[in-house]
């Protein structure tokens, strides 16, 4: 599969993380340690992806910093304009798109290093629980 002209990736991953900040890196690392195949891409590169294709192809999608792009309408285009109302505040999972998990960073305007890592760890628990229930 080619996402970009010079990039060749494997055909499938369990989880795709779009956002390479501390929360995204923490989640990607811990998910990989649990034996899942993980693709992590930078948020800027992620803006050009066809997320509808990703939603269909991958078992879970983690968007650690959704709030940073929602003001530009990118997440609204991918998830629907009303996505924030379908967000389960406890798990970060969207009820209308159950494979999609949103990072808690969107709630705050900037988080500390410790908070970003904690949010990534929390996402791993939710994603792992969801994927285990799908097996």
C-alpha atoms as a PDB file:
ATOM      1  CA  UNK A   1       0.000   0.000   0.000  1.00  0.00           C
ATOM      2  CA  UNK A   2       1.241   3.503  -0.800  1.00  0.00           C
ATOM      3  CA  UNK A   3       0.121   6.458   1.260  1.00  0.00           C
ATOM      4  CA  UNK A   4       2.615   8.832  -0.282  1.00  0.00           C
ATOM      5  CA  UNK A   5       4.652   8.603  -3.509  1.00  0.00           C
ATOM      6  CA  UNK A   6       7.900   7.375  -1.914  1.00  0.00           C
ATOM      7  CA  UNK A   7       6.417   5.384   0.975  1.00  0.00           C
ATOM      8  CA  UNK A   8       5.479   1.717   0.886  1.00  0.00           C
ATOM      9  CA  UNK A   9       3.744   0.240   3.912  1.00  0.00           C
ATOM     10  CA  UNK A  10       2.443  -3.153   4.821  1.00  0.00           C
ATOM     11  CA  UNK A  11      -1.120  -3.918   3.721  1.00  0.00           C
ATOM     12  CA  UNK A  12      -2.727  -3.884   7.156  1.00  0.00           C
ATOM     13  CA  UNK A  13      -2.188  -2.630  10.668  1.00  0.00           C
ATOM     14  CA  UNK A  14      -4.250  -3.200  13.770  1.00  0.00           C
ATOM     15  CA  UNK A  15      -4.145   0.451  14.813  1.00  0.00           C
ATOM     16  CA  UNK A  16      -3.263   3.686  13.084  1.00  0.00           C
ATOM     17  CA  UNK A  17      -2.244   6.646  15.259  1.00  0.00           C
ATOM     18  CA  UNK A  18      -2.505  10.024  13.546  1.00  0.00           C
ATOM     19  CA  UNK A  19      -0.440  12.389  15.649  1.00  0.00           C
ATOM     20  CA  UNK A  20       3.196  11.929  16.657  1.00  0.00           C
ATOM     21  CA  UNK A  21       3.215  14.005  19.828  1.00  0.00           C
ATOM     22  CA  UNK A  22       3.814  12.540  23.278  1.00  0.00           C
ATOM     23  CA  UNK A  23       0.287  11.124  23.599  1.00  0.00           C
ATOM     24  CA  UNK A  24       0.436   9.500  20.178  1.00  0.00           C
ATOM     25  CA  UNK A  25       3.961   8.145  20.700  1.00  0.00           C
ATOM     26  CA  UNK A  26       3.015   6.734  24.094  1.00  0.00           C
ATOM     27  CA  UNK A  27      -0.068   5.030  22.711  1.00  0.00           C
ATOM     28  CA  UNK A  28       1.746   3.644  19.653  1.00  0.00           C
ATOM     29  CA  UNK A  29       4.601   2.290  21.760  1.00  0.00           C
ATOM     30  CA  UNK A  30       2.366   0.610  24.338  1.00  0.00           C
ATOM     31  CA  UNK A  31       0.049  -0.858  21.704  1.00  0.00           C
ATOM     32  CA  UNK A  32       3.067  -2.316  19.891  1.00  0.00           C
ATOM     33  CA  UNK A  33       4.337  -3.782  23.175  1.00  0.00           C
ATOM     34  CA  UNK A  34       0.973  -5.549  23.467  1.00  0.00           C
ATOM     35  CA  UNK A  35       1.679  -7.257  20.159  1.00  0.00           C
ATOM     36  CA  UNK A  36      -0.462  -5.083  17.904  1.00  0.00           C
ATOM     37  CA  UNK A  37       0.811  -3.765  14.598  1.00  0.00           C
ATOM     38  CA  UNK A  38       0.762   0.025  14.715  1.00  0.00           C
ATOM     39  CA  UNK A  39       1.227   2.702  12.077  1.00  0.00           C
ATOM     40  CA  UNK A  40       1.953   6.142  13.518  1.00  0.00           C
ATOM     41  CA  UNK A  41       2.010   9.146  11.237  1.00  0.00           C
ATOM     42  CA  UNK A  42       2.460  12.818  11.881  1.00  0.00           C
ATOM     43  CA  UNK A  43      -0.677  14.890  12.086  1.00  0.00           C
ATOM     44  CA  UNK A  44       0.405  17.117   9.190  1.00  0.00           C
ATOM     45  CA  UNK A  45       0.780  14.085   6.915  1.00  0.00           C
ATOM     46  CA  UNK A  46      -2.494  12.706   8.238  1.00  0.00           C
ATOM     47  CA  UNK A  47      -4.440  15.708   6.977  1.00  0.00           C
ATOM     48  CA  UNK A  48      -4.006  14.431   3.413  1.00  0.00           C
ATOM     49  CA  UNK A  49      -5.226  10.898   4.098  1.00  0.00           C
ATOM     50  CA  UNK A  50      -8.569   9.505   3.074  1.00  0.00           C
ATOM     51  CA  UNK A  51      -9.774   8.703   6.568  1.00  0.00           C
ATOM     52  CA  UNK A  52     -12.907   6.984   5.301  1.00  0.00           C
ATOM     53  CA  UNK A  53     -10.608   4.386   3.707  1.00  0.00           C
ATOM     54  CA  UNK A  54      -8.665   4.082   6.951  1.00  0.00           C
ATOM     55  CA  UNK A  55     -11.851   3.614   8.982  1.00  0.00           C
ATOM     56  CA  UNK A  56     -12.767   0.676   6.771  1.00  0.00           C
ATOM     57  CA  UNK A  57      -9.299  -0.911   6.651  1.00  0.00           C
ATOM     58  CA  UNK A  58      -7.903  -0.687  10.192  1.00  0.00           C
ATOM     59  CA  UNK A  59      -9.263  -2.173  13.391  1.00  0.00           C
ATOM     60  CA  UNK A  60      -8.833   1.060  15.378  1.00  0.00           C
ATOM     61  CA  UNK A  61      -7.891   4.681  14.748  1.00  0.00           C
ATOM     62  CA  UNK A  62      -6.446   6.932  17.454  1.00  0.00           C
ATOM     63  CA  UNK A  63      -6.525  10.698  16.976  1.00  0.00           C
ATOM     64  CA  UNK A  64      -4.627  12.061  19.996  1.00  0.00           C
ATOM     65  CA  UNK A  65      -4.930  15.758  19.198  1.00  0.00           C
ATOM     66  CA  UNK A  66      -8.281  16.082  17.451  1.00  0.00           C
ATOM     67  CA  UNK A  67      -9.000  19.522  18.845  1.00  0.00           C
ATOM     68  CA  UNK A  68      -5.956  21.052  17.207  1.00  0.00           C
ATOM     69  CA  UNK A  69      -7.276  20.312  13.735  1.00  0.00           C
ATOM     70  CA  UNK A  70     -11.033  20.516  14.352  1.00  0.00           C
ATOM     71  CA  UNK A  71     -10.915  24.292  14.135  1.00  0.00           C
ATOM     72  CA  UNK A  72      -9.713  23.853  10.549  1.00  0.00           C
ATOM     73  CA  UNK A  73     -12.595  21.502   9.757  1.00  0.00           C
ATOM     74  CA  UNK A  74     -10.389  18.480   9.024  1.00  0.00           C
ATOM     75  CA  UNK A  75     -11.854  16.285  11.742  1.00  0.00           C
ATOM     76  CA  UNK A  76     -15.337  17.622  11.043  1.00  0.00           C
ATOM     77  CA  UNK A  77     -14.939  16.423   7.453  1.00  0.00           C
ATOM     78  CA  UNK A  78     -13.699  12.988   8.522  1.00  0.00           C
ATOM     79  CA  UNK A  79     -15.963  12.385  11.506  1.00  0.00           C
ATOM     80  CA  UNK A  80     -19.009  14.534  10.787  1.00  0.00           C
ATOM     81  CA  UNK A  81     -19.756  17.983  12.153  1.00  0.00           C
ATOM     82  CA  UNK A  82     -21.372  16.576  15.305  1.00  0.00           C
ATOM     83  CA  UNK A  83     -18.530  14.205  16.293  1.00  0.00           C
ATOM     84  CA  UNK A  84     -17.916  15.804  19.681  1.00  0.00           C
ATOM     85  CA  UNK A  85     -21.449  14.955  20.770  1.00  0.00           C
ATOM     86  CA  UNK A  86     -20.865  11.245  20.078  1.00  0.00           C
ATOM     87  CA  UNK A  87     -17.712  11.120  22.198  1.00  0.00           C
ATOM     88  CA  UNK A  88     -17.728   8.855  25.253  1.00  0.00           C
ATOM     89  CA  UNK A  89     -15.832  11.030  27.741  1.00  0.00           C
ATOM     90  CA  UNK A  90     -14.625   8.034  29.732  1.00  0.00           C
ATOM     91  CA  UNK A  91     -13.192   5.889  26.929  1.00  0.00           C
ATOM     92  CA  UNK A  92     -12.512   8.492  24.231  1.00  0.00           C
ATOM     93  CA  UNK A  93     -14.454   6.318  21.787  1.00  0.00           C
ATOM     94  CA  UNK A  94     -16.928   7.752  19.299  1.00  0.00           C
ATOM     95  CA  UNK A  95     -20.318   6.066  19.613  1.00  0.00           C
ATOM     96  CA  UNK A  96     -21.152   6.638  15.947  1.00  0.00           C
ATOM     97  CA  UNK A  97     -17.705   5.391  14.765  1.00  0.00           C
ATOM     98  CA  UNK A  98     -16.707   2.764  17.345  1.00  0.00           C
ATOM     99  CA  UNK A  99     -13.264   2.127  15.821  1.00  0.00           C
ATOM    100  CA  UNK A 100     -12.272   5.753  16.385  1.00  0.00           C
ATOM    101  CA  UNK A 101     -10.717   6.962  19.623  1.00  0.00           C
ATOM    102  CA  UNK A 102     -10.087  10.628  20.373  1.00  0.00           C
ATOM    103  CA  UNK A 103      -7.320  11.821  22.685  1.00  0.00           C
ATOM    104  CA  UNK A 104      -8.184  13.833  25.739  1.00  0.00           C
ATOM    105  CA  UNK A 105      -5.863  16.622  24.657  1.00  0.00           C
ATOM    106  CA  UNK A 106      -8.726  18.193  22.727  1.00  0.00           C
ATOM    107  CA  UNK A 107     -10.437  19.075  26.007  1.00  0.00           C
ATOM    108  CA  UNK A 108      -7.541  21.259  27.109  1.00  0.00           C
ATOM    109  CA  UNK A 109      -5.567  23.990  25.384  1.00  0.00           C
ATOM    110  CA  UNK A 110      -2.205  22.446  25.961  1.00  0.00           C
ATOM    111  CA  UNK A 111      -1.146  19.741  28.309  1.00  0.00           C
ATOM    112  CA  UNK A 112       1.952  18.933  30.285  1.00  0.00           C
ATOM    113  CA  UNK A 113       4.304  16.116  29.374  1.00  0.00           C
ATOM    114  CA  UNK A 114       2.888  14.008  32.204  1.00  0.00           C
ATOM    115  CA  UNK A 115      -0.709  14.616  31.076  1.00  0.00           C
ATOM    116  CA  UNK A 116       0.084  13.777  27.444  1.00  0.00           C
ATOM    117  CA  UNK A 117       1.675  10.465  28.450  1.00  0.00           C
ATOM    118  CA  UNK A 118      -1.256   9.700  30.783  1.00  0.00           C
ATOM    119  CA  UNK A 119      -3.744  10.407  27.983  1.00  0.00           C
ATOM    120  CA  UNK A 120      -1.837   8.073  25.657  1.00  0.00           C
ATOM    121  CA  UNK A 121      -1.865   5.316  28.285  1.00  0.00           C
ATOM    122  CA  UNK A 122      -5.589   5.800  28.856  1.00  0.00           C
ATOM    123  CA  UNK A 123      -6.217   5.495  25.115  1.00  0.00           C
ATOM    124  CA  UNK A 124      -4.290   2.212  25.024  1.00  0.00           C
ATOM    125  CA  UNK A 125      -6.562   0.742  27.695  1.00  0.00           C
ATOM    126  CA  UNK A 126      -9.691   1.768  25.773  1.00  0.00           C
ATOM    127  CA  UNK A 127      -8.367   0.570  22.405  1.00  0.00           C
ATOM    128  CA  UNK A 128      -7.131  -2.724  23.848  1.00  0.00           C
ATOM    129  CA  UNK A 129     -10.492  -3.331  25.548  1.00  0.00           C
ATOM    130  CA  UNK A 130     -12.333  -2.597  22.278  1.00  0.00           C
ATOM    131  CA  UNK A 131     -10.100  -4.813  20.154  1.00  0.00           C
ATOM    132  CA  UNK A 132     -10.345  -7.664  22.673  1.00  0.00           C
ATOM    133  CA  UNK A 133     -14.129  -7.486  22.513  1.00  0.00           C
ATOM    134  CA  UNK A 134     -13.985  -7.740  18.701  1.00  0.00           C
ATOM    135  CA  UNK A 135     -11.870 -10.910  18.642  1.00  0.00           C
END
